[in-house]
């Protein structure tokens, strides 16, 4: 197998041989070239004689130091350091030590837009998932969390703004008409969350007072011509910060929060600690040119990246197989936020339409994979609808099963237990189990198996006893190496809507077997079941609704999503009937049941 097609397996995960605990970086930004000096504080992890291996790509190595002493290059590790196109390796003798490197890079030539690149006259970074290795030599993996101090130097005329992670602790002028800033990030983070921006940018400023009374400076940077388009993004940021405090108890942790909008940014938006970088599409909005959808998009994306401060940054992923841990949870959070800012039903309808158009086909096709895959060739290929959108649905189901208070109790436990750590999906689900006292081992199949379950429903009503019987049957597709077909733990948010439009039964049913029957007493004749309210699970439902039953749900169902779903099913059926009439050469008729 060629190097380009090397497969990485979840089962092969091991901790790094060495932990980097602190990083000092110095950037000398110049036209045509940039010099990056790094000093790493390192400690050995366990008792072994393995070399310290630092990832590095497209780097010109100029100097290496070990414990502040020049370290020579060797033909093997016994003679000195060894470097190739992918890594720098050395054999330290101490349990704790420092490694220093000086490299030259060329951001202007970086067309991959990974690492540090220059576009539109501005320096910018994108390090997720493995871009930091294009900036300096480093063990570029998500489980190595370190604190960072970053010094940036550049010409004051071309780059008056110099930003990085954390708090600004120093700035000043240099003798040659250049200037510098120093940034200190006291919270450990993986290398993929490092960020730097340098350029000629204008700024919109505001403040936010946290629940504990701290004042946080908020700044959004963009080109001067776009300053009048930043108001909605700033308002969205402040609403996001307040919502995260109110709903999850998560307070912002630094003195400053920056957002930078750039035209050339290939990830859409990125949650780098305290320095979010966005494509301008997701920041700029003006009443003269932006649609309602544009405004909603800005609000949702700003919220998503801010929410990552806790779900992704303070608690991050042990390895890239756990990508759905941070992305699925954060998408769920931003969807709930957007629903509260607008209409829960309208937002849910939009989310489900997107899920059905993008994720369901992915789950049924040759690219089907679990939300937490067990192997990959290139991690960048796993930023998929399954990881993001289906990952969000898994968290919504957990919220449905545990309830609002139970889910909050579990998330509090998760943040308290794992703050400053790199963790796994299992750690998240175990917190759910511990907080609720429930066994969620069957639920884990949602994370580890691909495929969209199909649920068939049938029901009957005994007019004499007033007993309503609901039979549910689930079928999980067998997908080679991706799904074993075992029944899933499926929450079915359910209601029985009486003829006068009242919910005579409501709650959450739990479908855990291939076939299950549920009975309900004292149900009036003519009551109609409302299944999977709020689209409580990502499944395909087959149910024998009559036209009259669908019309009843359209009018009386108290769940906004299922009102829309019933209308969609009803009108789709009528449309197909008319298509059939047309194909048989008959006149198209619009019945009174449709007009009503």
Protein backbone atom coordinates (compact mmCIF):
# COMPACT_ATOMS: atom_id res chain seq x y z
CA UNK A 1 0.00 0.00 0.00
CA UNK A 2 1.39 3.38 -0.95
CA UNK A 3 1.97 6.10 1.61
CA UNK A 4 -0.80 8.17 0.05
CA UNK A 5 -3.34 5.42 0.80
CA UNK A 6 -2.26 4.55 4.33
CA UNK A 7 -5.30 3.70 6.46
CA UNK A 8 -5.53 4.96 10.05
CA UNK A 9 -7.54 2.78 12.44
CA UNK A 10 -9.29 3.74 15.66
CA UNK A 11 -8.21 0.47 17.27
CA UNK A 12 -4.56 1.45 16.85
CA UNK A 13 -4.81 4.61 18.97
CA UNK A 14 -2.11 5.05 21.60
CA UNK A 15 -1.14 8.07 23.64
CA UNK A 16 1.84 10.07 22.38
CA UNK A 17 5.27 9.07 23.65
CA UNK A 18 5.86 12.66 24.75
CA UNK A 19 3.59 15.47 25.93
CA UNK A 20 4.23 19.06 24.89
CA UNK A 21 3.03 21.16 27.84
CA UNK A 22 3.84 24.71 26.71
CA UNK A 23 4.67 26.39 23.40
CA UNK A 24 6.48 29.69 22.81
CA UNK A 25 6.10 30.91 19.24
CA UNK A 26 7.65 33.89 17.48
CA UNK A 27 6.49 34.92 14.01
CA UNK A 28 8.52 37.30 11.87
CA UNK A 29 6.10 38.16 9.05
CA UNK A 30 7.86 39.56 5.98
CA UNK A 31 7.10 39.98 2.30
CA UNK A 32 8.03 36.78 0.50
CA UNK A 33 8.98 34.77 3.57
CA UNK A 34 8.09 34.23 7.20
CA UNK A 35 10.34 32.96 9.96
CA UNK A 36 8.80 30.91 12.76
CA UNK A 37 10.69 30.20 15.96
CA UNK A 38 9.22 27.63 18.34
CA UNK A 39 10.29 26.48 21.78
CA UNK A 40 8.49 23.44 23.16
CA UNK A 41 8.48 22.32 26.77
CA UNK A 42 8.25 18.53 26.67
CA UNK A 43 7.92 15.65 29.12
CA UNK A 44 8.22 11.94 28.45
CA UNK A 45 5.03 9.89 28.70
CA UNK A 46 5.93 6.63 30.41
CA UNK A 47 9.05 4.48 30.47
CA UNK A 48 10.37 3.95 26.94
CA UNK A 49 13.24 4.77 24.59
CA UNK A 50 11.19 5.92 21.62
CA UNK A 51 12.29 9.06 19.77
CA UNK A 52 10.43 12.36 19.93
CA UNK A 53 8.78 12.79 16.53
CA UNK A 54 7.47 16.16 15.37
CA UNK A 55 5.26 16.45 12.29
CA UNK A 56 6.32 18.95 9.65
CA UNK A 57 5.44 19.63 6.01
CA UNK A 58 6.63 22.28 3.55
CA UNK A 59 9.07 23.65 6.17
CA UNK A 60 12.64 24.82 5.61
CA UNK A 61 14.47 23.89 8.79
CA UNK A 62 17.14 26.42 9.75
CA UNK A 63 18.05 25.52 13.32
CA UNK A 64 17.36 22.97 16.06
CA UNK A 65 18.09 23.33 19.76
CA UNK A 66 17.80 20.79 22.56
CA UNK A 67 17.68 22.32 26.04
CA UNK A 68 18.76 25.67 24.51
CA UNK A 69 21.92 24.16 22.98
CA UNK A 70 22.45 23.81 19.25
CA UNK A 71 21.65 20.27 18.17
CA UNK A 72 23.37 18.86 15.10
CA UNK A 73 21.82 16.96 12.24
CA UNK A 74 22.80 13.31 12.00
CA UNK A 75 22.42 10.40 9.65
CA UNK A 76 20.74 8.54 12.51
CA UNK A 77 19.29 9.36 15.93
CA UNK A 78 22.50 8.40 17.72
CA UNK A 79 24.32 11.21 15.91
CA UNK A 80 21.67 13.97 16.14
CA UNK A 81 18.31 14.89 14.75
CA UNK A 82 16.88 13.33 11.59
CA UNK A 83 14.54 15.22 9.30
CA UNK A 84 12.59 14.28 6.17
CA UNK A 85 9.61 15.65 4.24
CA UNK A 86 7.15 14.59 6.94
CA UNK A 87 8.86 14.79 10.32
CA UNK A 88 11.71 15.85 12.57
CA UNK A 89 12.94 13.16 14.98
CA UNK A 90 15.37 13.28 17.86
CA UNK A 91 16.35 11.10 20.80
CA UNK A 92 16.24 13.03 24.10
CA UNK A 93 18.01 11.70 27.16
CA UNK A 94 15.95 13.50 29.82
CA UNK A 95 12.45 13.02 31.20
CA UNK A 96 11.71 16.71 30.66
CA UNK A 97 13.42 18.92 28.11
CA UNK A 98 12.95 21.74 25.62
CA UNK A 99 13.14 21.60 21.86
CA UNK A 100 13.64 24.73 19.80
CA UNK A 101 13.28 25.08 16.03
CA UNK A 102 13.59 27.87 13.51
CA UNK A 103 11.91 27.42 10.14
CA UNK A 104 11.26 29.47 7.05
CA UNK A 105 7.89 29.23 5.29
CA UNK A 106 6.31 31.02 2.34
CA UNK A 107 2.66 31.91 3.09
CA UNK A 108 2.28 33.67 -0.27
CA UNK A 109 2.87 30.35 -2.05
CA UNK A 110 0.57 28.32 0.19
CA UNK A 111 -2.31 27.60 -2.18
CA UNK A 112 -3.57 24.72 -0.02
CA UNK A 113 -4.83 27.33 2.50
CA UNK A 114 -3.69 25.05 5.34
CA UNK A 115 -1.31 26.36 7.95
CA UNK A 116 -0.26 30.00 7.48
CA UNK A 117 -1.17 31.57 4.16
CA UNK A 118 -1.42 35.07 2.73
CA UNK A 119 -4.39 36.23 0.73
CA UNK A 120 -5.70 39.68 -0.09
CA UNK A 121 -2.72 41.20 1.65
CA UNK A 122 -3.50 39.51 4.98
CA UNK A 123 -1.82 36.65 6.80
CA UNK A 124 -4.26 34.03 8.07
CA UNK A 125 -4.17 30.49 9.44
CA UNK A 126 -6.27 27.35 9.15
CA UNK A 127 -4.96 24.49 11.29
CA UNK A 128 -7.83 22.00 11.56
CA UNK A 129 -7.29 19.17 11.11
CA UNK A 130 -3.54 18.90 10.42
CA UNK A 131 -2.44 22.34 9.27
CA UNK A 132 -0.24 23.33 12.19
CA UNK A 133 2.53 21.06 10.89
CA UNK A 134 2.80 23.46 7.93
CA UNK A 135 3.71 26.28 10.34
CA UNK A 136 6.32 24.64 12.56
CA UNK A 137 7.52 21.21 13.64
CA UNK A 138 5.10 19.84 16.23
CA UNK A 139 3.35 16.60 17.30
CA UNK A 140 0.25 17.70 15.40
CA UNK A 141 -2.46 15.62 17.05
CA UNK A 142 -5.61 16.61 18.92
CA UNK A 143 -4.83 14.87 22.21
CA UNK A 144 -1.74 16.98 22.96
CA UNK A 145 -3.11 20.06 24.75
CA UNK A 146 -0.63 22.80 25.63
CA UNK A 147 -0.61 26.43 26.67
CA UNK A 148 0.69 28.95 24.13
CA UNK A 149 2.50 32.28 24.17
CA UNK A 150 2.75 33.90 20.73
CA UNK A 151 4.82 36.90 19.64
CA UNK A 152 4.11 38.37 16.20
CA UNK A 153 6.27 40.93 14.38
CA UNK A 154 5.39 42.68 11.12
CA UNK A 155 5.56 45.95 9.22
CA UNK A 156 3.19 48.41 10.87
CA UNK A 157 2.03 49.88 7.56
CA UNK A 158 1.01 46.66 5.84
CA UNK A 159 -0.11 44.78 8.97
CA UNK A 160 -1.25 47.18 11.72
CA UNK A 161 -3.41 44.40 13.18
CA UNK A 162 -1.63 41.36 14.65
CA UNK A 163 -3.84 38.80 16.41
CA UNK A 164 -3.49 35.38 18.01
CA UNK A 165 -5.15 33.24 20.68
CA UNK A 166 -5.73 34.35 24.24
CA UNK A 167 -5.24 37.72 25.90
CA UNK A 168 -3.09 40.54 24.55
CA UNK A 169 -0.33 40.94 27.15
CA UNK A 170 2.16 43.21 25.35
CA UNK A 171 2.57 45.33 22.24
CA UNK A 172 5.01 47.94 21.00
CA UNK A 173 7.16 49.43 18.27
CA UNK A 174 10.44 48.04 16.94
CA UNK A 175 13.41 50.05 15.68
CA UNK A 176 12.93 49.23 11.99
CA UNK A 177 9.41 50.64 11.54
CA UNK A 178 7.89 47.35 12.49
CA UNK A 179 5.78 46.48 15.53
CA UNK A 180 4.88 43.49 17.65
CA UNK A 181 2.15 41.98 19.79
CA UNK A 182 2.37 39.22 22.40
CA UNK A 183 -0.56 36.92 23.12
CA UNK A 184 -0.92 34.54 26.04
CA UNK A 185 -3.47 31.75 26.08
CA UNK A 186 -3.59 30.21 29.56
CA UNK A 187 -6.00 27.43 28.59
CA UNK A 188 -4.45 24.26 27.17
CA UNK A 189 -5.51 23.57 23.59
CA UNK A 190 -4.60 21.21 20.76
CA UNK A 191 -2.55 22.56 17.88
CA UNK A 192 -5.51 22.60 15.49
CA UNK A 193 -6.97 25.51 17.49
CA UNK A 194 -3.95 27.78 17.03
CA UNK A 195 -4.66 30.91 15.00
CA UNK A 196 -2.88 33.99 13.73
CA UNK A 197 -4.10 36.94 11.68
CA UNK A 198 -2.02 39.84 10.43
CA UNK A 199 -3.13 42.60 8.10
CA UNK A 200 -4.80 45.93 7.51
CA UNK A 201 -8.26 45.42 9.00
CA UNK A 202 -10.91 47.62 10.55
CA UNK A 203 -12.73 46.69 13.73
CA UNK A 204 -16.20 46.93 15.27
CA UNK A 205 -16.09 46.82 19.08
CA UNK A 206 -18.54 46.05 21.85
CA UNK A 207 -18.53 44.47 25.30
CA UNK A 208 -20.31 41.65 27.08
CA UNK A 209 -20.71 41.34 30.84
CA UNK A 210 -20.64 37.71 31.93
CA UNK A 211 -22.88 36.17 34.55
CA UNK A 212 -20.09 36.56 37.13
CA UNK A 213 -19.67 40.26 36.32
CA UNK A 214 -16.55 40.18 34.14
CA UNK A 215 -16.44 42.54 31.17
CA UNK A 216 -15.28 40.87 27.95
CA UNK A 217 -14.11 42.98 25.01
CA UNK A 218 -15.68 41.85 21.72
CA UNK A 219 -14.09 42.75 18.39
CA UNK A 220 -15.02 41.81 14.85
CA UNK A 221 -12.44 42.57 12.16
CA UNK A 222 -13.07 43.00 8.45
CA UNK A 223 -12.10 45.28 5.60
CA UNK A 224 -12.95 48.93 6.30
CA UNK A 225 -15.56 48.96 3.54
CA UNK A 226 -17.51 46.24 5.36
CA UNK A 227 -17.74 47.82 8.83
CA UNK A 228 -21.41 48.68 8.32
CA UNK A 229 -22.18 44.99 7.72
CA UNK A 230 -20.93 43.69 11.10
CA UNK A 231 -23.77 44.76 13.39
CA UNK A 232 -25.82 41.59 13.08
CA UNK A 233 -22.80 39.36 13.69
CA UNK A 234 -21.98 41.31 16.87
CA UNK A 235 -25.57 41.07 18.10
CA UNK A 236 -25.55 37.34 17.33
CA UNK A 237 -22.33 36.86 19.29
CA UNK A 238 -23.76 38.57 22.36
CA UNK A 239 -26.96 36.52 22.18
CA UNK A 240 -24.88 33.35 21.86
CA UNK A 241 -22.81 34.17 24.93
CA UNK A 242 -25.94 34.85 27.00
CA UNK A 243 -27.69 31.71 25.76
CA UNK A 244 -24.74 29.47 26.63
CA UNK A 245 -24.74 30.87 30.15
CA UNK A 246 -28.49 30.44 30.60
CA UNK A 247 -28.94 27.02 29.01
CA UNK A 248 -25.63 25.26 29.71
CA UNK A 249 -24.05 27.33 32.50
CA UNK A 250 -21.01 27.99 30.31
CA UNK A 251 -19.33 31.36 30.86
CA UNK A 252 -16.70 32.79 28.55
CA UNK A 253 -13.24 32.47 30.08
CA UNK A 254 -10.94 35.16 28.64
CA UNK A 255 -10.87 38.98 28.58
CA UNK A 256 -11.21 39.24 24.81
CA UNK A 257 -13.08 37.52 22.00
CA UNK A 258 -12.14 38.23 18.38
CA UNK A 259 -13.78 37.35 15.08
CA UNK A 260 -12.02 37.98 11.76
CA UNK A 261 -13.81 37.92 8.41
CA UNK A 262 -11.70 37.13 5.34
CA UNK A 263 -12.69 36.48 1.73
CA UNK A 264 -10.41 33.48 1.20
CA UNK A 265 -11.18 30.98 3.94
CA UNK A 266 -11.78 27.38 2.96
CA UNK A 267 -13.52 26.06 6.08
CA UNK A 268 -16.46 28.47 6.17
CA UNK A 269 -15.71 29.29 9.80
CA UNK A 270 -13.25 28.05 12.42
CA UNK A 271 -13.51 28.04 16.21
CA UNK A 272 -9.86 28.81 17.09
CA UNK A 273 -9.65 29.66 20.77
CA UNK A 274 -10.75 33.31 21.23
CA UNK A 275 -9.90 34.10 17.58
CA UNK A 276 -12.65 32.77 15.33
CA UNK A 277 -11.92 33.12 11.62
CA UNK A 278 -14.85 33.27 9.19
CA UNK A 279 -15.43 33.49 5.52
CA UNK A 280 -17.11 36.85 4.96
CA UNK A 281 -20.25 35.02 3.80
CA UNK A 282 -21.01 34.07 7.41
CA UNK A 283 -20.28 37.46 9.01
CA UNK A 284 -21.39 40.26 6.70
CA UNK A 285 -25.06 41.23 6.52
CA UNK A 286 -26.74 44.50 5.55
CA UNK A 287 -30.48 45.18 5.14
CA UNK A 288 -29.97 46.48 1.61
CA UNK A 289 -28.41 43.27 0.30
CA UNK A 290 -28.95 40.39 2.76
CA UNK A 291 -31.98 38.10 2.80
CA UNK A 292 -33.70 36.70 5.88
CA UNK A 293 -31.84 33.45 5.21
CA UNK A 294 -28.54 35.36 5.20
CA UNK A 295 -29.33 36.86 8.59
CA UNK A 296 -30.32 33.48 10.00
CA UNK A 297 -27.16 31.94 8.57
CA UNK A 298 -24.90 34.53 10.19
CA UNK A 299 -26.65 34.10 13.53
CA UNK A 300 -26.37 30.31 13.41
CA UNK A 301 -22.73 30.12 12.32
CA UNK A 302 -21.57 32.77 14.81
CA UNK A 303 -23.34 30.80 17.53
CA UNK A 304 -21.87 27.49 16.36
CA UNK A 305 -18.28 28.72 16.46
CA UNK A 306 -18.75 30.45 19.80
CA UNK A 307 -20.35 27.35 21.36
CA UNK A 308 -17.23 25.42 20.41
CA UNK A 309 -15.41 27.28 23.20
CA UNK A 310 -16.69 24.58 25.55
CA UNK A 311 -17.74 21.78 23.19
CA UNK A 312 -14.51 21.38 21.27
CA UNK A 313 -11.98 23.74 22.84
CA UNK A 314 -12.10 23.43 26.63
CA UNK A 315 -13.06 19.77 26.14
CA UNK A 316 -11.68 18.48 22.86
CA UNK A 317 -11.37 15.25 20.87
CA UNK A 318 -8.84 12.58 21.80
CA UNK A 319 -8.40 11.71 18.13
CA UNK A 320 -10.05 12.62 14.84
CA UNK A 321 -12.32 9.58 14.96
CA UNK A 322 -14.16 11.50 17.69
CA UNK A 323 -14.94 14.42 15.36
CA UNK A 324 -18.70 13.95 15.81
CA UNK A 325 -18.22 14.48 19.55
CA UNK A 326 -17.41 18.15 19.10
CA UNK A 327 -19.25 18.80 15.84
CA UNK A 328 -22.43 16.82 16.44
CA UNK A 329 -22.87 18.28 19.92
CA UNK A 330 -22.14 21.81 18.75
CA UNK A 331 -24.50 21.55 15.77
CA UNK A 332 -27.22 20.36 18.15
CA UNK A 333 -26.52 23.33 20.40
CA UNK A 334 -26.59 25.86 17.56
CA UNK A 335 -29.82 24.37 16.20
CA UNK A 336 -31.50 24.66 19.59
CA UNK A 337 -30.23 28.23 19.89
CA UNK A 338 -31.55 29.15 16.44
CA UNK A 339 -34.91 27.63 17.32
CA UNK A 340 -35.18 29.74 20.44
CA UNK A 341 -34.14 32.88 18.59
CA UNK A 342 -36.84 32.28 15.97
CA UNK A 343 -39.38 29.49 15.58
CA UNK A 344 -38.59 26.01 16.90
CA UNK A 345 -40.93 24.41 14.36
CA UNK A 346 -39.64 26.36 11.36
CA UNK A 347 -36.04 25.73 12.37
CA UNK A 348 -36.69 22.02 12.89
CA UNK A 349 -38.39 21.70 9.51
CA UNK A 350 -35.38 23.33 7.82
CA UNK A 351 -32.94 21.06 9.67
CA UNK A 352 -34.84 17.89 8.79
CA UNK A 353 -35.21 18.86 5.14
CA UNK A 354 -31.45 19.33 4.99
CA UNK A 355 -30.88 16.02 6.80
CA UNK A 356 -33.11 14.14 4.38
CA UNK A 357 -31.55 15.74 1.32
CA UNK A 358 -27.89 15.29 2.30
CA UNK A 359 -27.38 12.81 5.14
CA UNK A 360 -30.03 10.19 4.36
CA UNK A 361 -28.67 9.62 0.82
CA UNK A 362 -25.14 9.48 2.23
CA UNK A 363 -26.28 6.83 4.72
CA UNK A 364 -27.85 4.78 1.93
CA UNK A 365 -25.02 5.02 -0.58
CA UNK A 366 -21.49 3.71 -1.10
CA UNK A 367 -20.04 6.42 1.17
CA UNK A 368 -22.10 5.32 4.19
CA UNK A 369 -20.16 5.51 7.44
CA UNK A 370 -20.95 5.77 11.14
CA UNK A 371 -20.90 9.15 12.90
CA UNK A 372 -17.83 7.81 14.72
CA UNK A 373 -15.94 5.90 12.01
CA UNK A 374 -13.32 3.29 12.84
CA UNK A 375 -10.92 4.03 10.00
CA UNK A 376 -9.98 6.72 7.51
CA UNK A 377 -7.45 7.46 4.80
CA UNK A 378 -7.69 11.26 4.92
CA UNK A 379 -9.42 12.87 7.88
CA UNK A 380 -10.47 15.88 5.79
CA UNK A 381 -12.86 13.54 3.96
CA UNK A 382 -14.85 12.97 7.17
CA UNK A 383 -16.24 16.46 7.53
CA UNK A 384 -19.52 15.00 6.32
CA UNK A 385 -23.27 15.32 6.78
CA UNK A 386 -23.16 12.12 8.83
CA UNK A 387 -20.59 13.46 11.29
CA UNK A 388 -22.24 16.87 11.61
CA UNK A 389 -25.97 16.48 10.99
CA UNK A 390 -26.53 12.90 12.13
CA UNK A 391 -24.15 13.59 15.00
CA UNK A 392 -26.50 16.40 16.05
CA UNK A 393 -29.49 14.05 15.86
CA UNK A 394 -27.78 11.64 18.25
CA UNK A 395 -27.48 14.37 20.84
CA UNK A 396 -31.09 15.39 20.25
CA UNK A 397 -32.15 11.80 20.96
CA UNK A 398 -30.11 11.78 24.17
CA UNK A 399 -31.81 15.03 25.16
CA UNK A 400 -35.17 13.41 24.39
CA UNK A 401 -34.38 10.31 26.48
CA UNK A 402 -32.94 12.13 29.49
CA UNK A 403 -35.16 15.20 29.43
CA UNK A 404 -34.03 18.81 29.69
CA UNK A 405 -32.91 18.62 33.33
CA UNK A 406 -31.25 15.23 32.93
CA UNK A 407 -29.32 16.34 29.85
CA UNK A 408 -28.14 19.50 31.63
CA UNK A 409 -27.04 17.44 34.64
CA UNK A 410 -25.07 15.13 32.34
CA UNK A 411 -23.46 17.98 30.39
CA UNK A 412 -22.44 19.70 33.64
CA UNK A 413 -20.78 16.47 34.73
CA UNK A 414 -19.01 16.21 31.37
CA UNK A 415 -17.62 19.75 31.52
CA UNK A 416 -16.59 19.46 35.17
CA UNK A 417 -14.92 16.09 34.74
CA UNK A 418 -13.14 16.63 31.44
CA UNK A 419 -12.31 20.36 31.33
CA UNK A 420 -8.87 20.72 29.78
CA UNK A 421 -8.84 17.16 28.45
CA UNK A 422 -9.12 15.35 25.11
CA UNK A 423 -11.85 12.72 25.32
CA UNK A 424 -14.01 10.24 23.40
CA UNK A 425 -17.64 9.64 22.49
CA UNK A 426 -17.71 6.98 25.21
CA UNK A 427 -16.75 9.59 27.82
CA UNK A 428 -19.70 11.74 26.75
CA UNK A 429 -22.20 8.88 26.78
CA UNK A 430 -20.90 7.57 30.11
CA UNK A 431 -21.66 10.98 31.64
CA UNK A 432 -25.19 10.61 30.29
CA UNK A 433 -25.42 7.18 31.92
CA UNK A 434 -23.97 8.30 35.24
CA UNK A 435 -26.16 11.38 35.50
CA UNK A 436 -29.36 9.53 34.59
CA UNK A 437 -28.73 6.06 35.97
CA UNK A 438 -29.59 4.61 32.56
CA UNK A 439 -27.89 1.94 30.49
CA UNK A 440 -27.11 3.48 27.08
CA UNK A 441 -24.99 0.64 25.70
CA UNK A 442 -27.55 -0.09 22.96
CA UNK A 443 -27.72 3.61 22.14
CA UNK A 444 -23.98 3.53 21.33
CA UNK A 445 -24.88 1.64 18.14
CA UNK A 446 -26.01 4.98 16.73
CA UNK A 447 -22.41 6.19 16.98
CA UNK A 448 -20.70 3.06 15.68
CA UNK A 449 -23.09 1.81 12.97
CA UNK A 450 -24.14 3.37 9.67
CA UNK A 451 -27.53 3.28 8.00
CA UNK A 452 -30.94 4.88 8.45
CA UNK A 453 -33.43 2.66 10.33
CA UNK A 454 -36.88 2.12 8.85
CA UNK A 455 -39.80 2.07 11.27
CA UNK A 456 -43.16 0.59 10.29
CA UNK A 457 -46.19 1.56 12.35
CA UNK A 458 -49.64 -0.01 12.58
CA UNK A 459 -52.43 0.69 15.01
CA UNK A 460 -55.91 -0.35 16.02
CA UNK A 461 -58.61 0.88 18.38
CA UNK A 462 -61.16 -1.20 20.30
CA UNK A 463 -64.29 0.94 20.58
CA UNK A 464 -65.70 -1.24 23.34
CA UNK A 465 -62.69 -1.11 25.67
CA UNK A 466 -61.31 2.22 24.39
CA UNK A 467 -57.87 0.60 24.16
CA UNK A 468 -55.57 1.92 21.46
CA UNK A 469 -52.80 -0.45 20.33
CA UNK A 470 -49.69 0.78 18.53
CA UNK A 471 -47.32 -1.72 16.91
CA UNK A 472 -43.86 -0.56 15.87
CA UNK A 473 -41.32 -2.56 13.90
CA UNK A 474 -37.81 -1.40 13.11
CA UNK A 475 -35.52 -2.59 10.37
CA UNK A 476 -31.87 -1.54 10.33
CA UNK A 477 -30.13 -2.10 6.99
CA UNK A 478 -27.13 -4.39 6.79
CA UNK A 479 -24.19 -2.48 5.34
CA UNK A 480 -20.91 -4.28 4.71
CA UNK A 481 -18.46 -3.39 7.51
CA UNK A 482 -20.64 -0.39 8.46
CA UNK A 483 -23.82 -1.79 10.03
CA UNK A 484 -24.60 -5.10 11.70
CA UNK A 485 -28.37 -4.61 11.46
CA UNK A 486 -28.96 -4.81 15.22
CA UNK A 487 -31.99 -2.91 16.58
CA UNK A 488 -31.33 0.65 17.70
CA UNK A 489 -32.54 2.48 20.78
CA UNK A 490 -35.08 4.80 19.15
CA UNK A 491 -36.98 7.50 21.07
CA UNK A 492 -40.44 8.02 19.59
CA UNK A 493 -41.99 11.28 20.74
CA UNK A 494 -45.66 10.44 20.59
CA UNK A 495 -49.14 11.84 20.98
CA UNK A 496 -52.70 10.68 20.42
CA UNK A 497 -54.82 13.50 19.02
CA UNK A 498 -58.51 13.14 19.83
CA UNK A 499 -61.30 14.11 17.40
CA UNK A 500 -61.68 17.45 19.19
CA UNK A 501 -57.95 18.19 18.78
CA UNK A 502 -56.74 17.39 22.30
CA UNK A 503 -53.70 15.31 23.23
CA UNK A 504 -55.21 12.41 25.18
CA UNK A 505 -51.78 10.76 25.37
CA UNK A 506 -48.33 12.28 25.01
CA UNK A 507 -44.81 11.24 25.92
CA UNK A 508 -41.71 9.46 24.64
CA UNK A 509 -41.89 5.78 23.71
CA UNK A 510 -38.64 3.82 23.57
CA UNK A 511 -38.33 1.37 20.71
CA UNK A 512 -35.45 -0.97 21.57
CA UNK A 513 -36.52 -4.27 20.01
CA UNK A 514 -37.22 -5.35 16.46
CA UNK A 515 -40.95 -5.37 17.24
CA UNK A 516 -42.81 -3.76 20.13
CA UNK A 517 -46.42 -3.11 21.00
CA UNK A 518 -47.72 -0.27 23.15
CA UNK A 519 -51.27 -0.02 24.53
CA UNK A 520 -53.15 3.00 25.83
CA UNK A 521 -56.41 3.06 27.78
CA UNK A 522 -59.40 5.40 27.69
CA UNK A 523 -58.66 6.64 24.19
CA UNK A 524 -61.66 8.19 22.38
CA UNK A 525 -62.61 6.60 19.05
CA UNK A 526 -61.20 8.45 16.07
CA UNK A 527 -58.00 9.52 17.82
CA UNK A 528 -55.02 9.79 15.48
CA UNK A 529 -51.42 8.89 16.44
CA UNK A 530 -48.79 11.60 16.00
CA UNK A 531 -45.49 9.73 15.60
CA UNK A 532 -41.92 11.02 15.91
CA UNK A 533 -42.90 14.51 16.94
CA UNK A 534 -40.18 17.10 16.41
CA UNK A 535 -38.59 14.36 14.30
CA UNK A 536 -37.37 12.68 17.47
CA UNK A 537 -35.13 10.16 15.65
CA UNK A 538 -33.43 10.09 12.23
CA UNK A 539 -35.51 7.29 10.73
CA UNK A 540 -37.74 6.65 7.74
CA UNK A 541 -41.32 6.12 8.90
CA UNK A 542 -43.89 3.99 7.09
CA UNK A 543 -47.36 4.54 8.53
CA UNK A 544 -50.85 3.75 7.12
CA UNK A 545 -52.36 7.20 7.53
CA UNK A 546 -55.58 7.89 5.67
CA UNK A 547 -56.17 11.24 4.00
CA UNK A 548 -58.64 12.19 6.73
CA UNK A 549 -56.11 11.33 9.45
CA UNK A 550 -53.43 13.43 7.79
CA UNK A 551 -55.84 16.34 7.45
CA UNK A 552 -56.72 15.95 11.13
CA UNK A 553 -53.05 16.20 12.11
CA UNK A 554 -52.57 19.17 9.78
CA UNK A 555 -55.26 21.04 11.68
CA UNK A 556 -54.93 19.80 15.25
CA UNK A 557 -51.46 18.39 15.93
CA UNK A 558 -49.79 20.51 18.61
CA UNK A 559 -46.36 19.63 17.26
CA UNK A 560 -45.43 22.12 14.56
CA UNK A 561 -43.10 19.74 12.79
CA UNK A 562 -45.69 16.98 12.53
CA UNK A 563 -48.29 19.46 11.30
CA UNK A 564 -45.94 20.24 8.44
CA UNK A 565 -45.08 16.56 7.97
CA UNK A 566 -48.74 15.59 7.73
CA UNK A 567 -49.36 18.33 5.20
CA UNK A 568 -46.33 17.27 3.22
CA UNK A 569 -47.46 13.63 3.15
CA UNK A 570 -51.03 14.59 2.25
CA UNK A 571 -50.14 16.94 -0.59
CA UNK A 572 -47.45 14.60 -1.93
CA UNK A 573 -50.04 11.83 -2.15
CA UNK A 574 -52.45 14.12 -3.98
CA UNK A 575 -49.73 15.29 -6.35
CA UNK A 576 -48.79 11.70 -7.20
CA UNK A 577 -52.45 10.92 -7.87
CA UNK A 578 -52.65 13.79 -10.35
CA UNK A 579 -49.41 12.74 -12.05
CA UNK A 580 -50.89 9.27 -12.46
CA UNK A 581 -54.06 10.77 -13.97
CA UNK A 582 -52.01 12.86 -16.37
CA UNK A 583 -49.95 9.87 -17.50
CA UNK A 584 -53.19 7.97 -18.20
CA UNK A 585 -54.49 10.85 -20.31
CA UNK A 586 -57.08 12.00 -17.77
CA UNK A 587 -57.87 15.55 -16.70
CA UNK A 588 -56.06 16.92 -13.67
CA UNK A 589 -58.52 17.53 -10.83
CA UNK A 590 -57.96 19.47 -7.63
CA UNK A 591 -60.31 18.05 -5.03
CA UNK A 592 -62.12 19.92 -2.30
CA UNK A 593 -60.03 18.08 0.30
CA UNK A 594 -56.97 19.87 -1.09
CA UNK A 595 -58.66 23.25 -1.45
CA UNK A 596 -59.95 23.07 2.12
